[in-house]
Protein backbone atom coordinates (compact mmCIF):
# COMPACT_ATOMS: atom_id res chain seq x y z
CA MET A 1 0.00 0.00 0.00
CA LEU A 2 1.25 3.50 -0.83
CA SER A 3 2.27 5.92 1.89
CA VAL A 4 -0.36 8.22 3.41
CA ASP A 5 1.02 11.22 1.50
CA GLU A 6 0.93 9.30 -1.79
CA GLN A 7 -2.61 8.14 -1.13
CA MET A 8 -3.75 11.66 -0.22
CA LYS A 9 -2.36 12.93 -3.53
CA VAL A 10 -4.39 10.39 -5.50
CA ILE A 11 -7.56 10.88 -3.45
CA ALA A 12 -7.43 14.68 -3.58
CA SER A 13 -6.86 14.75 -7.36
CA GLY A 14 -10.00 16.19 -8.92
CA ALA A 15 -11.93 16.22 -5.64
CA ALA A 16 -13.99 19.30 -4.82
CA GLN A 17 -14.04 18.95 -1.01
CA ILE A 18 -12.71 16.58 1.65
CA VAL A 19 -14.39 17.28 5.01
CA PRO A 20 -12.34 17.14 7.17
CA GLU A 21 -9.10 16.51 5.29
CA ASP A 22 -7.09 15.85 8.45
CA GLY A 23 -9.72 13.30 9.47
CA LEU A 24 -9.11 11.34 6.27
CA ARG A 25 -5.38 11.43 6.89
CA LYS A 26 -5.90 10.01 10.39
CA LYS A 27 -8.03 7.17 9.02
CA LEU A 28 -5.36 6.35 6.44
CA GLU A 29 -2.63 6.39 9.08
CA LYS A 30 -4.25 3.37 10.74
CA GLY A 31 -3.00 1.32 7.77
CA GLU A 32 -6.26 -0.59 7.40
CA PRO A 33 -8.50 -0.75 4.31
CA LEU A 34 -11.26 1.86 4.51
CA ASN A 35 -14.90 1.27 3.64
CA ILE A 36 -15.77 3.79 0.91
CA LYS A 37 -19.48 4.42 0.43
CA LEU A 38 -21.38 5.66 -2.59
CA GLY A 39 -25.15 5.68 -2.59
CA VAL A 40 -26.99 5.94 -5.89
CA ASP A 41 -30.71 6.14 -6.51
CA PRO A 42 -31.61 4.26 -9.69
CA THR A 43 -33.95 6.94 -11.05
CA SER A 44 -32.85 6.38 -14.65
CA PRO A 45 -31.74 3.25 -16.53
CA ASP A 46 -28.90 4.92 -18.43
CA LEU A 47 -25.72 6.47 -17.06
CA HIS A 48 -23.40 9.03 -18.63
CA LEU A 49 -19.84 10.18 -17.94
CA GLY A 50 -21.11 12.69 -15.38
CA HIS A 51 -22.62 9.85 -13.32
CA ALA A 52 -19.33 7.96 -13.65
CA VAL A 53 -17.17 10.67 -12.01
CA PRO A 54 -17.61 9.41 -8.41
CA LEU A 55 -17.32 5.82 -9.65
CA ARG A 56 -13.91 6.63 -11.16
CA LYS A 57 -12.78 8.04 -7.78
CA MET A 58 -14.10 4.89 -6.10
CA ARG A 59 -11.98 2.81 -8.46
CA GLN A 60 -8.92 4.84 -7.42
CA PHE A 61 -9.70 3.99 -3.78
CA GLN A 62 -9.90 0.32 -4.76
CA ASP A 63 -6.56 0.49 -6.57
CA LEU A 64 -5.10 1.94 -3.34
CA GLY A 65 -6.27 -1.15 -1.45
CA HIS A 66 -9.56 0.05 -0.01
CA HIS A 67 -13.01 -1.50 -0.21
CA VAL A 68 -16.10 -0.05 -1.82
CA THR A 69 -19.72 -0.39 -0.75
CA LEU A 70 -22.09 0.59 -3.54
CA ILE A 71 -25.52 1.26 -2.07
CA ILE A 72 -28.37 0.96 -4.54
CA GLY A 73 -31.03 3.27 -3.15
CA ASN A 74 -34.10 1.24 -3.94
CA GLY A 75 -35.46 2.50 -0.62
CA THR A 76 -34.40 6.17 -0.81
CA ALA A 77 -35.44 6.35 -4.49
CA LEU A 78 -39.03 5.93 -3.32
CA ILE A 79 -38.60 9.28 -1.53
CA GLY A 80 -36.66 11.07 -4.25
CA ASP A 81 -33.47 13.04 -3.55
CA PRO A 82 -34.34 16.75 -3.29
CA SER A 83 -30.71 17.84 -3.71
CA GLY A 84 -30.46 20.67 -6.23
CA LYS A 85 -34.17 20.52 -7.03
CA ASN A 86 -36.62 23.41 -6.86
CA THR A 87 -39.66 21.14 -6.99
CA THR A 88 -40.65 17.81 -5.45
CA ARG A 89 -39.32 14.86 -7.45
CA PRO A 90 -41.97 12.55 -8.86
CA GLN A 91 -41.97 9.33 -6.86
CA LEU A 92 -41.04 6.14 -8.70
CA SER A 93 -42.74 2.80 -8.37
CA GLN A 94 -40.84 -0.12 -6.83
CA GLU A 95 -40.90 -1.87 -10.23
CA GLU A 96 -39.27 1.11 -11.98
CA VAL A 97 -36.60 1.34 -9.31
CA GLU A 98 -35.72 -2.37 -9.49
CA ALA A 99 -35.47 -2.33 -13.31
CA ASN A 100 -33.20 0.72 -13.25
CA ALA A 101 -31.06 -0.77 -10.47
CA ALA A 102 -30.14 -3.84 -12.52
CA THR A 103 -28.93 -1.66 -15.39
CA TYR A 104 -27.00 0.65 -13.06
CA VAL A 105 -25.01 -2.14 -11.44
CA GLU A 106 -24.12 -3.65 -14.81
CA GLN A 107 -22.80 -0.31 -16.10
CA ALA A 108 -21.00 0.56 -12.85
CA MET A 109 -18.98 -2.65 -13.02
CA HIS A 110 -17.30 -1.37 -16.19
CA ILE A 111 -15.48 0.97 -13.79
CA LEU A 112 -15.35 -0.71 -10.37
CA ASP A 113 -13.40 -3.83 -9.48
CA PRO A 114 -16.14 -6.38 -8.72
CA GLU A 115 -13.80 -8.29 -6.38
CA LYS A 116 -13.45 -5.23 -4.14
CA THR A 117 -17.07 -4.07 -4.39
CA THR A 118 -19.97 -4.94 -2.14
CA VAL A 119 -23.37 -4.11 -3.62
CA VAL A 120 -26.20 -3.64 -1.13
CA TYR A 121 -29.77 -2.37 -1.40
CA ASN A 122 -31.00 0.06 1.23
CA ALA A 123 -34.62 -1.05 0.96
CA ASP A 124 -33.42 -4.05 3.01
CA TRP A 125 -33.13 -1.87 6.12
CA ILE A 126 -35.15 1.25 5.28
CA LEU A 127 -38.43 -0.45 4.37
CA SER A 128 -38.24 -2.68 7.45
CA LEU A 129 -38.15 0.31 9.84
CA ASP A 130 -41.20 0.47 12.06
CA LEU A 131 -42.68 3.72 13.38
CA LYS A 132 -40.64 3.49 16.59
CA GLY A 133 -37.40 3.13 14.64
CA LEU A 134 -38.29 5.97 12.28
CA LEU A 135 -39.13 8.29 15.18
CA GLU A 136 -35.82 7.47 16.91
CA LEU A 137 -33.90 8.29 13.74
CA CYS A 138 -35.74 11.55 13.10
CA SER A 139 -35.18 12.70 16.70
CA ASN A 140 -31.49 13.16 15.85
CA PHE A 141 -32.26 16.05 13.48
CA THR A 142 -34.07 19.36 13.83
CA VAL A 143 -36.31 21.10 11.32
CA ALA A 144 -34.05 24.17 11.53
CA ARG A 145 -31.05 22.00 10.57
CA ILE A 146 -32.85 20.44 7.62
CA LEU A 147 -33.99 23.87 6.42
CA GLU A 148 -30.34 24.94 6.25
CA ARG A 149 -30.13 23.04 2.99
CA ASP A 150 -29.76 25.56 0.20
CA ASP A 151 -32.49 24.03 -1.96
CA PHE A 152 -34.95 23.79 0.94
CA THR A 153 -34.17 27.36 2.00
CA LYS A 154 -34.86 28.70 -1.48
CA ARG A 155 -38.09 26.76 -1.80
CA TYR A 156 -39.25 27.83 1.66
CA GLN A 157 -38.49 31.49 1.01
CA SER A 158 -40.22 31.43 -2.37
CA GLN A 159 -43.21 29.58 -0.84
CA THR A 160 -42.61 26.65 -3.18
CA PRO A 161 -44.14 23.54 -1.60
CA ILE A 162 -41.86 21.13 0.26
CA ALA A 163 -43.44 17.75 0.84
CA LEU A 164 -42.92 16.35 4.35
CA HIS A 165 -41.49 13.08 3.03
CA GLU A 166 -38.60 15.03 1.40
CA PHE A 167 -37.27 15.87 4.88
CA LEU A 168 -36.70 12.15 5.38
CA TYR A 169 -34.19 11.86 2.53
CA PRO A 170 -31.04 13.14 4.29
CA VAL A 171 -32.07 11.18 7.41
CA MET A 172 -32.29 7.93 5.45
CA GLN A 173 -29.04 8.57 3.59
CA ALA A 174 -27.33 9.21 6.94
CA TYR A 175 -28.83 5.97 8.27
CA ASP A 176 -27.23 4.10 5.35
CA SER A 177 -23.81 5.22 6.62
CA VAL A 178 -24.57 3.92 10.11
CA VAL A 179 -25.75 0.55 8.80
CA ILE A 180 -22.66 -0.14 6.66
CA GLY A 181 -20.13 1.63 8.91
CA ALA A 182 -18.78 4.00 6.26
CA ASP A 183 -15.33 5.54 6.61
CA VAL A 184 -15.74 7.83 3.60
CA GLU A 185 -18.91 8.78 1.74
CA MET A 186 -18.73 10.15 -1.78
CA GLY A 187 -21.12 12.30 -3.76
CA GLY A 188 -21.45 15.32 -6.02
CA THR A 189 -20.99 18.84 -4.71
CA ASP A 190 -24.77 19.13 -4.40
CA GLN A 191 -24.68 16.21 -1.93
CA LEU A 192 -22.54 17.82 0.78
CA PHE A 193 -25.45 18.44 3.17
CA ASN A 194 -26.50 14.79 3.00
CA LEU A 195 -22.93 13.60 3.55
CA LEU A 196 -22.52 15.84 6.60
CA ALA A 197 -25.84 14.53 7.94
CA GLY A 198 -24.21 11.10 7.91
CA ARG A 199 -21.32 12.43 10.01
CA GLN A 200 -23.80 13.92 12.48
CA LEU A 201 -25.81 10.73 12.88
CA MET A 202 -22.73 8.53 13.21
CA GLU A 203 -21.38 10.75 16.01
CA LYS A 204 -24.72 10.56 17.84
CA GLU A 205 -24.60 6.78 17.50
CA GLY A 206 -21.15 6.74 19.11
CA MET A 207 -19.38 5.82 15.86
CA GLU A 208 -16.30 7.37 14.29
CA PRO A 209 -17.82 9.79 11.75
CA GLN A 210 -17.34 9.32 8.06
CA ILE A 211 -15.34 11.69 5.85
CA ALA A 212 -17.38 13.61 3.27
CA LEU A 213 -15.72 13.65 -0.16
CA THR A 214 -17.42 15.50 -3.00
CA MET A 215 -16.60 15.46 -6.69
CA PRO A 216 -17.29 18.34 -9.09
CA LEU A 217 -20.05 18.18 -11.66
CA LEU A 218 -18.78 17.42 -15.16
CA GLU A 219 -19.76 19.84 -17.91
CA GLY A 220 -21.26 18.30 -21.02
CA THR A 221 -20.03 18.43 -24.59
CA ASP A 222 -21.29 22.02 -24.92
CA GLY A 223 -18.70 23.07 -22.35
CA HIS A 224 -21.09 25.09 -20.20
CA LEU A 225 -24.02 23.19 -18.71
CA LYS A 226 -23.61 20.15 -16.48
CA MET A 227 -23.81 16.89 -18.39
CA SER A 228 -27.44 15.82 -18.68
CA LYS A 229 -29.66 13.87 -21.05
CA SER A 230 -32.19 16.68 -20.82
CA TYR A 231 -29.59 19.14 -22.19
CA GLY A 232 -28.53 16.78 -24.99
CA ASN A 233 -24.84 17.29 -24.06
CA TYR A 234 -24.13 13.87 -22.57
CA VAL A 235 -21.80 10.99 -23.39
CA GLY A 236 -23.74 7.86 -22.47
CA LEU A 237 -21.93 4.84 -21.05
CA THR A 238 -23.95 2.65 -23.42
CA ASP A 239 -23.43 4.85 -26.50
CA GLU A 240 -22.08 3.04 -29.55
CA ALA A 241 -18.28 3.21 -29.67
CA ALA A 242 -18.13 5.48 -32.73
CA ASP A 243 -20.76 7.80 -31.28
CA MET A 244 -18.95 7.95 -27.93
CA PHE A 245 -15.64 8.74 -29.66
CA GLY A 246 -17.22 11.51 -31.71
CA LYS A 247 -18.94 13.08 -28.71
CA VAL A 248 -15.69 13.22 -26.74
CA MET A 249 -13.97 14.80 -29.75
CA SER A 250 -16.60 17.55 -29.68
CA ILE A 251 -15.74 18.85 -26.19
CA PRO A 252 -14.06 22.28 -26.07
CA ASP A 253 -10.29 22.28 -25.62
CA GLU A 254 -10.50 23.90 -22.19
CA LEU A 255 -12.21 20.78 -20.81
CA ILE A 256 -9.56 18.30 -22.01
CA GLY A 257 -7.67 18.29 -18.70
CA LYS A 258 -10.83 18.00 -16.61
CA TYR A 259 -12.14 15.06 -18.68
CA TYR A 260 -8.77 13.31 -18.37
CA ARG A 261 -8.82 13.81 -14.58
CA LEU A 262 -12.45 12.84 -13.97
CA ALA A 263 -13.32 10.40 -16.75
CA SER A 264 -10.19 8.61 -18.01
CA THR A 265 -8.15 5.70 -16.66
CA LEU A 266 -4.85 7.63 -16.60
CA THR A 267 -2.91 7.98 -13.35
CA VAL A 268 -2.76 11.25 -11.44
CA ASP A 269 0.87 11.80 -12.51
CA GLU A 270 -0.03 11.21 -16.17
CA VAL A 271 -2.89 13.71 -15.96
CA ASP A 272 -0.65 16.23 -14.19
CA ALA A 273 1.79 15.93 -17.11
CA ILE A 274 -1.01 16.54 -19.61
CA ASP A 275 -2.15 19.62 -17.69
CA ALA A 276 1.42 20.94 -17.71
CA ALA A 277 1.77 20.31 -21.45
CA LEU A 278 -1.48 22.10 -22.19
CA ALA A 279 -0.44 25.02 -19.97
CA ASP A 280 2.99 25.55 -21.57
CA GLY A 281 1.81 24.93 -25.13
CA THR A 282 3.81 21.75 -25.75
CA GLY A 283 0.67 19.59 -25.78
CA ASP A 284 -1.40 19.34 -28.95
CA PRO A 285 -5.07 19.64 -27.90
CA TYR A 286 -6.35 17.75 -30.94
CA ALA A 287 -3.96 14.82 -30.44
CA LEU A 288 -4.68 14.73 -26.70
CA LYS A 289 -8.41 14.75 -27.37
CA ARG A 290 -8.07 11.77 -29.73
CA GLN A 291 -6.14 9.86 -27.06
CA LEU A 292 -8.78 10.79 -24.48
CA ALA A 293 -11.64 9.63 -26.70
CA ALA A 294 -9.89 6.31 -27.41
CA ASN A 295 -9.20 5.78 -23.69
CA ILE A 296 -12.83 6.34 -22.74
CA VAL A 297 -14.13 4.09 -25.53
CA ASP A 298 -11.73 1.32 -24.46
CA LEU A 299 -13.00 1.64 -20.89
CA TYR A 300 -16.62 1.04 -21.79
CA HIS A 301 -16.32 -1.13 -24.91
CA GLY A 302 -13.16 -3.13 -24.29
CA GLU A 303 -9.51 -2.93 -25.31
CA GLY A 304 -9.12 -2.06 -28.99
CA ALA A 305 -12.57 -0.52 -29.38
CA GLY A 306 -11.05 2.96 -29.12
CA ALA A 307 -8.70 2.39 -32.05
CA ALA A 308 -11.57 1.04 -34.18
CA ALA A 309 -13.75 4.03 -33.28
CA GLU A 310 -10.89 6.39 -34.11
CA LYS A 311 -10.53 4.78 -37.53
CA GLU A 312 -14.26 5.17 -38.17
CA PHE A 313 -14.08 8.80 -37.02
CA ASP A 314 -11.32 9.51 -39.56
CA ARG A 315 -13.23 7.75 -42.31
CA VAL A 316 -16.29 9.94 -41.77
CA PHE A 317 -14.74 13.26 -40.79
CA LYS A 318 -11.46 13.28 -42.72
CA ALA A 319 -12.30 11.28 -45.83
CA HIS A 320 -15.91 12.55 -45.69
CA GLU A 321 -17.23 9.08 -46.39
CA ARG A 322 -20.60 7.85 -45.31
CA PRO A 323 -20.76 6.47 -41.77
CA GLU A 324 -21.32 2.75 -41.37
CA ALA A 325 -25.02 2.01 -41.55
CA GLU A 326 -27.14 -0.92 -40.46
CA GLU A 327 -29.61 -2.24 -43.01
CA VAL A 328 -33.16 -1.80 -41.76
CA ALA A 329 -36.24 -3.34 -43.33
CA TRP A 330 -39.07 -0.82 -43.53
CA GLU A 331 -42.57 -1.05 -44.87
CA VAL A 332 -43.85 2.08 -46.60
CA GLU A 333 -46.54 3.82 -44.57
CA LEU A 334 -48.43 6.54 -46.42
CA ASN A 335 -50.63 9.25 -44.95
CA ASP A 336 -53.93 10.47 -46.41
CA ASP A 337 -52.03 12.57 -48.96
CA GLY A 338 -50.07 9.57 -50.20
CA LEU A 339 -46.85 10.88 -48.61
CA VAL A 340 -44.41 9.52 -46.01
CA TYR A 341 -44.22 11.39 -42.68
CA LEU A 342 -40.44 11.63 -42.35
CA PRO A 343 -40.25 12.36 -38.57
CA LYS A 344 -42.15 9.14 -37.83
CA LEU A 345 -39.87 7.21 -40.18
CA LEU A 346 -36.76 8.53 -38.42
CA ALA A 347 -38.18 7.55 -35.04
CA THR A 348 -39.27 4.12 -36.30
CA VAL A 349 -35.81 3.17 -37.59
CA GLY A 350 -34.08 4.43 -34.44
CA LEU A 351 -32.44 7.60 -35.76
CA ALA A 352 -34.42 9.77 -33.35
CA PRO A 353 -35.77 8.99 -29.86
CA SER A 354 -39.16 10.48 -30.68
CA ILE A 355 -41.17 12.05 -33.48
CA GLY A 356 -40.85 15.46 -31.81
CA GLU A 357 -37.06 15.15 -31.65
CA ALA A 358 -37.02 14.05 -35.30
CA ARG A 359 -38.84 17.25 -36.28
CA ARG A 360 -36.26 19.29 -34.36
CA LEU A 361 -33.42 17.46 -36.12
CA ILE A 362 -34.95 18.22 -39.51
CA ASP A 363 -35.45 21.88 -38.63
CA GLY A 364 -31.84 22.06 -37.44
CA GLY A 365 -30.52 20.80 -40.75
CA GLY A 366 -29.20 17.60 -39.24
CA VAL A 367 -31.02 15.08 -41.48
CA LYS A 368 -29.88 13.83 -44.89
CA VAL A 369 -31.61 11.53 -47.36
CA ASN A 370 -29.20 10.01 -49.86
CA ASP A 371 -26.53 12.56 -48.84
CA VAL A 372 -28.82 15.55 -49.48
CA ALA A 373 -29.84 17.69 -46.50
CA VAL A 374 -33.58 17.83 -45.85
CA GLU A 375 -34.85 21.40 -45.86
CA LYS A 376 -36.30 22.90 -42.70
CA LYS A 377 -40.02 22.15 -42.12
CA THR A 378 -39.96 19.33 -44.69
CA TYR A 379 -41.93 16.64 -42.90
CA ASN A 380 -44.05 14.96 -45.60
CA VAL A 381 -42.04 13.53 -48.50
CA ASP A 382 -42.64 11.56 -51.68
CA PRO A 383 -42.32 7.81 -50.98
CA ALA A 384 -39.94 7.50 -53.94
CA LEU A 385 -37.47 9.75 -52.06
CA VAL A 386 -37.08 7.33 -49.19
CA ASP A 387 -37.42 4.06 -51.11
CA LYS A 388 -34.23 2.09 -50.28
CA ALA A 389 -32.75 5.38 -49.10
CA PHE A 390 -29.65 6.08 -47.05
CA LEU A 391 -30.88 8.06 -44.04
CA GLN A 392 -28.37 9.99 -41.96
CA VAL A 393 -28.71 12.04 -38.78
CA GLY A 394 -25.69 14.13 -37.86
CA LYS A 395 -22.24 12.84 -38.82
CA ARG A 396 -22.29 9.43 -37.20
CA ARG A 397 -25.77 7.87 -37.24
CA ALA A 398 -27.26 6.33 -40.35
CA VAL A 399 -29.37 3.45 -41.65
CA GLN A 400 -29.79 1.92 -45.06
CA LEU A 401 -33.45 1.21 -45.79
CA VAL A 402 -34.11 -2.10 -47.56
């Protein structure tokens, strides 16, 4: 195991906050493997690189010899985490939560070492709490303390409703830490209140309190907004290799170092060297971005997938050839005017997630039929135009109709 100073360097790399930092050092000085906790609520079936940031830090802990407990919040997800939200989250059904949880674990194991990871489900202890147990837990917190949360404060001051069950969320997350005996709990910067609630409850239970370690939010491919499916600026962990490579290549140069530090498999020293090269001008941003894209594709698609995706990227963007396209059988469907409704066709063959999104793609000039861009507001087309056509959306997605 590395020295405490060496471990602190790795752990602090890219971290937003370590509270308290001297407390973490004292835990490491004991020379025993720490139990590193990350709780995730499976509110969505698909993860992106932003979700993977704390998982990458967890993997670094594992490589340092520590153990990871991944808590799937199939109990807390029924409440809905209010962190960073200005409205009450819609509550999910147990069936939705369980389906999402299975997908989450599968994707997380692309990053974590399964041999050093314990996966637990907090419904096992949260849903079995009786009223007496719930009251005892809640008695450790005050309403004034809960209202100190920035999001609750804003909602309270603006007279935006706060449902009573939302107050239970930080209490239940803190209880998770007590149950598993966490040494360190990780989360995004918007999770700091919940992590500190865990410290508070552990102290009241006579336990050594956990360390709160937060990671910064990762900006999306637009370079400004946090990565999110709703913003359309995300790199999905299940994206096709070529699509993933192309998305990473689209990030602005100023984010290259941050993506290397938070999303790649490179060591801290290697990332430090890249930062230095970018700062003094000896590093070529374009070349570094290609290496970054290949590294990330290899991580999620297997060794060698990055090189193949890079080759496809060059074929499409340098040689300006058509992207590879799957052949899709399609039966002509005419409307009352004897025309084909193109947005529905794009959605049917998987080039758009919905008819509405297909219309937006057309209006944005991002759709081609047989290499010719479809004009804005062109939704109904002659069936002869799309008969055995090559349909393309953007630079990388295409199908060949048969």
